[in-house]
């Protein structure tokens, strides 16, 4: 019996932030993880789908 492990960055059930860096690049970031240096939260926490929709709207 094999067990599949889901990447937490792909886990639709967890809340996410949209991060942006100084080069105005965007990244989806799970709420449980510390925001890395050089990035700031610009949206969220929200569902992964809402974060993707927000990026598509503003990008």
PDB file of N, CA and C in Angstrom:
ATOM      1  N   UNK A   1       0.854  -1.174   0.000  1.00  0.00           N
ATOM      2  CA  UNK A   1       0.000   0.000   0.000  1.00  0.00           C
ATOM      3  C   UNK A   1       0.899   1.236   0.000  1.00  0.00           C
ATOM      4  N   UNK A   2       0.689   2.148  -0.940  1.00  0.00           N
ATOM      5  CA  UNK A   2       1.505   3.353  -0.986  1.00  0.00           C
ATOM      6  C   UNK A   2       0.698   4.539  -0.480  1.00  0.00           C
ATOM      7  N   UNK A   3       1.401   5.459   0.096  1.00  0.00           N
ATOM      8  CA  UNK A   3       0.776   6.661   0.632  1.00  0.00           C
ATOM      9  C   UNK A   3       1.260   7.848  -0.184  1.00  0.00           C
ATOM     10  N   UNK A   4       0.338   8.640  -0.672  1.00  0.00           N
ATOM     11  CA  UNK A   4       0.728   9.815  -1.429  1.00  0.00           C
ATOM     12  C   UNK A   4       0.805  11.010  -0.498  1.00  0.00           C
ATOM     13  N   UNK A   5       1.864  11.772  -0.651  1.00  0.00           N
ATOM     14  CA  UNK A   5       2.024  12.991   0.135  1.00  0.00           C
ATOM     15  C   UNK A   5       1.787  14.180  -0.774  1.00  0.00           C
ATOM     16  N   UNK A   6       0.916  15.063  -0.342  1.00  0.00           N
ATOM     17  CA  UNK A   6       0.600  16.227  -1.154  1.00  0.00           C
ATOM     18  C   UNK A   6       1.546  17.363  -0.804  1.00  0.00           C
ATOM     19  N   UNK A   7       2.021  18.018  -1.843  1.00  0.00           N
ATOM     20  CA  UNK A   7       2.850  19.196  -1.658  1.00  0.00           C
ATOM     21  C   UNK A   7       1.985  20.269  -0.995  1.00  0.00           C
ATOM     22  N   UNK A   8       2.411  20.850   0.132  1.00  0.00           N
ATOM     23  CA  UNK A   8       1.578  21.856   0.809  1.00  0.00           C
ATOM     24  C   UNK A   8       1.319  23.094  -0.049  1.00  0.00           C
ATOM     25  N   UNK A   9       2.141  23.333  -1.053  1.00  0.00           N
ATOM     26  CA  UNK A   9       1.928  24.466  -1.947  1.00  0.00           C
ATOM     27  C   UNK A   9       0.797  24.189  -2.944  1.00  0.00           C
ATOM     28  N   UNK A  10       0.376  22.932  -3.054  1.00  0.00           N
ATOM     29  CA  UNK A  10      -0.715  22.547  -3.951  1.00  0.00           C
ATOM     30  C   UNK A  10      -1.986  22.160  -3.195  1.00  0.00           C
ATOM     31  N   UNK A  11      -1.967  22.255  -1.883  1.00  0.00           N
ATOM     32  CA  UNK A  11      -3.092  21.806  -1.047  1.00  0.00           C
ATOM     33  C   UNK A  11      -4.237  22.819  -1.104  1.00  0.00           C
ATOM     34  N   UNK A  12      -5.262  22.487  -1.862  1.00  0.00           N
ATOM     35  CA  UNK A  12      -6.417  23.373  -2.065  1.00  0.00           C
ATOM     36  C   UNK A  12      -7.178  23.680  -0.770  1.00  0.00           C
ATOM     37  N   UNK A  13      -7.004  22.861   0.263  1.00  0.00           N
ATOM     38  CA  UNK A  13      -7.774  23.046   1.494  1.00  0.00           C
ATOM     39  C   UNK A  13      -7.140  24.052   2.456  1.00  0.00           C
ATOM     40  N   UNK A  14      -5.919  24.484   2.178  1.00  0.00           N
ATOM     41  CA  UNK A  14      -5.218  25.406   3.060  1.00  0.00           C
ATOM     42  C   UNK A  14      -5.338  26.845   2.565  1.00  0.00           C
ATOM     43  N   UNK A  15      -5.337  27.817   3.483  1.00  0.00           N
ATOM     44  CA  UNK A  15      -5.342  29.229   3.048  1.00  0.00           C
ATOM     45  C   UNK A  15      -3.969  29.640   2.527  1.00  0.00           C
ATOM     46  N   UNK A  16      -3.987  30.584   1.589  1.00  0.00           N
ATOM     47  CA  UNK A  16      -2.771  31.074   0.950  1.00  0.00           C
ATOM     48  C   UNK A  16      -2.725  32.592   0.981  1.00  0.00           C
ATOM     49  N   UNK A  17      -1.512  33.102   0.828  1.00  0.00           N
ATOM     50  CA  UNK A  17      -1.273  34.517   0.567  1.00  0.00           C
ATOM     51  C   UNK A  17      -0.788  34.647  -0.869  1.00  0.00           C
ATOM     52  N   UNK A  18      -0.956  35.821  -1.445  1.00  0.00           N
ATOM     53  CA  UNK A  18      -0.238  36.189  -2.660  1.00  0.00           C
ATOM     54  C   UNK A  18       0.886  37.097  -2.201  1.00  0.00           C
ATOM     55  N   UNK A  19       2.102  36.734  -2.550  1.00  0.00           N
ATOM     56  CA  UNK A  19       3.268  37.535  -2.206  1.00  0.00           C
ATOM     57  C   UNK A  19       3.772  38.254  -3.443  1.00  0.00           C
ATOM     58  N   UNK A  20       4.453  39.381  -3.206  1.00  0.00           N
ATOM     59  CA  UNK A  20       5.086  40.116  -4.297  1.00  0.00           C
ATOM     60  C   UNK A  20       6.473  40.548  -3.837  1.00  0.00           C
ATOM     61  N   UNK A  21       7.432  40.503  -4.770  1.00  0.00           N
ATOM     62  CA  UNK A  21       8.781  40.962  -4.437  1.00  0.00           C
ATOM     63  C   UNK A  21       9.059  42.300  -5.107  1.00  0.00           C
ATOM     64  N   UNK A  22      10.270  42.811  -4.951  1.00  0.00           N
ATOM     65  CA  UNK A  22      10.631  44.124  -5.480  1.00  0.00           C
ATOM     66  C   UNK A  22      10.587  44.184  -7.007  1.00  0.00           C
ATOM     67  N   UNK A  23      10.716  43.044  -7.670  1.00  0.00           N
ATOM     68  CA  UNK A  23      10.629  42.988  -9.129  1.00  0.00           C
ATOM     69  C   UNK A  23       9.188  42.810  -9.604  1.00  0.00           C
ATOM     70  N   UNK A  24       8.255  42.925  -8.683  1.00  0.00           N
ATOM     71  CA  UNK A  24       6.820  42.771  -8.927  1.00  0.00           C
ATOM     72  C   UNK A  24       6.479  41.389  -9.488  1.00  0.00           C
ATOM     73  N   UNK A  25       7.185  40.377  -8.996  1.00  0.00           N
ATOM     74  CA  UNK A  25       6.863  38.986  -9.297  1.00  0.00           C
ATOM     75  C   UNK A  25       5.932  38.499  -8.204  1.00  0.00           C
ATOM     76  N   UNK A  26       4.976  37.635  -8.572  1.00  0.00           N
ATOM     77  CA  UNK A  26       3.998  37.113  -7.628  1.00  0.00           C
ATOM     78  C   UNK A  26       4.284  35.661  -7.300  1.00  0.00           C
ATOM     79  N   UNK A  27       3.876  35.273  -6.099  1.00  0.00           N
ATOM     80  CA  UNK A  27       4.005  33.891  -5.668  1.00  0.00           C
ATOM     81  C   UNK A  27       2.838  33.544  -4.751  1.00  0.00           C
ATOM     82  N   UNK A  28       2.303  32.339  -4.906  1.00  0.00           N
ATOM     83  CA  UNK A  28       1.327  31.836  -3.937  1.00  0.00           C
ATOM     84  C   UNK A  28       2.110  31.243  -2.783  1.00  0.00           C
ATOM     85  N   UNK A  29       1.667  31.535  -1.564  1.00  0.00           N
ATOM     86  CA  UNK A  29       2.419  31.088  -0.389  1.00  0.00           C
ATOM     87  C   UNK A  29       1.450  30.583   0.670  1.00  0.00           C
ATOM     88  N   UNK A  30       1.655  29.356   1.170  1.00  0.00           N
ATOM     89  CA  UNK A  30       0.742  28.835   2.189  1.00  0.00           C
ATOM     90  C   UNK A  30       0.830  29.653   3.479  1.00  0.00           C
ATOM     91  N   UNK A  31      -0.310  29.833   4.124  1.00  0.00           N
ATOM     92  CA  UNK A  31      -0.388  30.667   5.327  1.00  0.00           C
ATOM     93  C   UNK A  31       0.508  30.168   6.449  1.00  0.00           C
ATOM     94  N   UNK A  32       0.690  28.842   6.557  1.00  0.00           N
ATOM     95  CA  UNK A  32       1.455  28.300   7.682  1.00  0.00           C
ATOM     96  C   UNK A  32       2.956  28.577   7.585  1.00  0.00           C
ATOM     97  N   UNK A  33       3.449  28.906   6.390  1.00  0.00           N
ATOM     98  CA  UNK A  33       4.890  29.098   6.196  1.00  0.00           C
ATOM     99  C   UNK A  33       5.264  30.572   6.372  1.00  0.00           C
ATOM    100  N   UNK A  34       6.426  30.804   6.961  1.00  0.00           N
ATOM    101  CA  UNK A  34       6.916  32.171   7.149  1.00  0.00           C
ATOM    102  C   UNK A  34       7.164  32.811   5.787  1.00  0.00           C
ATOM    103  N   UNK A  35       6.811  34.080   5.674  1.00  0.00           N
ATOM    104  CA  UNK A  35       7.035  34.817   4.430  1.00  0.00           C
ATOM    105  C   UNK A  35       8.541  35.070   4.297  1.00  0.00           C
ATOM    106  N   UNK A  36       9.114  34.690   3.149  1.00  0.00           N
ATOM    107  CA  UNK A  36      10.567  34.845   2.993  1.00  0.00           C
ATOM    108  C   UNK A  36      10.983  36.307   2.861  1.00  0.00           C
ATOM    109  N   UNK A  37      12.224  36.570   3.219  1.00  0.00           N
ATOM    110  CA  UNK A  37      12.789  37.922   3.108  1.00  0.00           C
ATOM    111  C   UNK A  37      12.692  38.392   1.667  1.00  0.00           C
ATOM    112  N   UNK A  38      12.365  39.666   1.495  1.00  0.00           N
ATOM    113  CA  UNK A  38      12.271  40.249   0.170  1.00  0.00           C
ATOM    114  C   UNK A  38      10.892  40.133  -0.458  1.00  0.00           C
ATOM    115  N   UNK A  39       9.974  39.487   0.227  1.00  0.00           N
ATOM    116  CA  UNK A  39       8.606  39.319  -0.269  1.00  0.00           C
ATOM    117  C   UNK A  39       7.647  39.953   0.725  1.00  0.00           C
ATOM    118  N   UNK A  40       6.503  40.424   0.230  1.00  0.00           N
ATOM    119  CA  UNK A  40       5.468  40.956   1.114  1.00  0.00           C
ATOM    120  C   UNK A  40       4.115  40.420   0.671  1.00  0.00           C
ATOM    121  N   UNK A  41       3.223  40.285   1.627  1.00  0.00           N
ATOM    122  CA  UNK A  41       1.868  39.834   1.327  1.00  0.00           C
ATOM    123  C   UNK A  41       1.079  40.989   0.719  1.00  0.00           C
ATOM    124  N   UNK A  42       0.410  40.715  -0.419  1.00  0.00           N
ATOM    125  CA  UNK A  42      -0.415  41.737  -1.072  1.00  0.00           C
ATOM    126  C   UNK A  42      -1.881  41.300  -1.166  1.00  0.00           C
ATOM    127  N   UNK A  43      -2.165  40.050  -0.777  1.00  0.00           N
ATOM    128  CA  UNK A  43      -3.537  39.548  -0.797  1.00  0.00           C
ATOM    129  C   UNK A  43      -3.605  38.296   0.068  1.00  0.00           C
ATOM    130  N   UNK A  44      -4.721  38.150   0.778  1.00  0.00           N
ATOM    131  CA  UNK A  44      -4.938  36.940   1.565  1.00  0.00           C
ATOM    132  C   UNK A  44      -4.795  37.208   3.040  1.00  0.00           C
ATOM    133  N   UNK A  45      -4.988  36.184   3.832  1.00  0.00           N
ATOM    134  CA  UNK A  45      -5.149  34.792   3.428  1.00  0.00           C
ATOM    135  C   UNK A  45      -6.533  34.521   2.827  1.00  0.00           C
ATOM    136  N   UNK A  46      -6.516  33.713   1.792  1.00  0.00           N
ATOM    137  CA  UNK A  46      -7.714  33.308   1.062  1.00  0.00           C
ATOM    138  C   UNK A  46      -7.506  31.896   0.543  1.00  0.00           C
ATOM    139  N   UNK A  47      -8.530  31.368  -0.089  1.00  0.00           N
ATOM    140  CA  UNK A  47      -8.386  30.058  -0.715  1.00  0.00           C
ATOM    141  C   UNK A  47      -7.378  30.156  -1.848  1.00  0.00           C
ATOM    142  N   UNK A  48      -6.783  29.043  -2.214  1.00  0.00           N
ATOM    143  CA  UNK A  48      -5.818  29.014  -3.312  1.00  0.00           C
ATOM    144  C   UNK A  48      -6.472  29.525  -4.596  1.00  0.00           C
ATOM    145  N   UNK A  49      -7.701  29.098  -4.850  1.00  0.00           N
ATOM    146  CA  UNK A  49      -8.425  29.521  -6.059  1.00  0.00           C
ATOM    147  C   UNK A  49      -8.652  31.029  -6.075  1.00  0.00           C
ATOM    148  N   UNK A  50      -9.011  31.618  -4.937  1.00  0.00           N
ATOM    149  CA  UNK A  50      -9.216  33.070  -4.872  1.00  0.00           C
ATOM    150  C   UNK A  50      -7.903  33.820  -5.075  1.00  0.00           C
ATOM    151  N   UNK A  51      -6.814  33.274  -4.569  1.00  0.00           N
ATOM    152  CA  UNK A  51      -5.511  33.913  -4.765  1.00  0.00           C
ATOM    153  C   UNK A  51      -5.119  33.884  -6.239  1.00  0.00           C
ATOM    154  N   UNK A  52      -5.346  32.764  -6.908  1.00  0.00           N
ATOM    155  CA  UNK A  52      -5.042  32.667  -8.336  1.00  0.00           C
ATOM    156  C   UNK A  52      -5.907  33.645  -9.115  1.00  0.00           C
ATOM    157  N   UNK A  53      -7.178  33.730  -8.785  1.00  0.00           N
ATOM    158  CA  UNK A  53      -8.084  34.661  -9.466  1.00  0.00           C
ATOM    159  C   UNK A  53      -7.624  36.102  -9.264  1.00  0.00           C
ATOM    160  N   UNK A  54      -7.169  36.436  -8.068  1.00  0.00           N
ATOM    161  CA  UNK A  54      -6.695  37.794  -7.795  1.00  0.00           C
ATOM    162  C   UNK A  54      -5.473  38.120  -8.655  1.00  0.00           C
ATOM    163  N   UNK A  55      -4.525  37.197  -8.730  1.00  0.00           N
ATOM    164  CA  UNK A  55      -3.332  37.417  -9.551  1.00  0.00           C
ATOM    165  C   UNK A  55      -3.729  37.603 -11.010  1.00  0.00           C
ATOM    166  N   UNK A  56      -4.616  36.777 -11.506  1.00  0.00           N
ATOM    167  CA  UNK A  56      -5.059  36.894 -12.896  1.00  0.00           C
ATOM    168  C   UNK A  56      -5.732  38.236 -13.167  1.00  0.00           C
ATOM    169  N   UNK A  57      -6.395  38.788 -12.163  1.00  0.00           N
ATOM    170  CA  UNK A  57      -7.093  40.062 -12.328  1.00  0.00           C
ATOM    171  C   UNK A  57      -6.121  41.243 -12.332  1.00  0.00           C
ATOM    172  N   UNK A  58      -5.109  41.210 -11.487  1.00  0.00           N
ATOM    173  CA  UNK A  58      -4.223  42.384 -11.349  1.00  0.00           C
ATOM    174  C   UNK A  58      -2.966  42.308 -12.203  1.00  0.00           C
ATOM    175  N   UNK A  59      -2.646  41.144 -12.720  1.00  0.00           N
ATOM    176  CA  UNK A  59      -1.406  40.980 -13.471  1.00  0.00           C
ATOM    177  C   UNK A  59      -1.579  41.313 -14.901  1.00  0.00           C
TER     178      UNK A  59
END
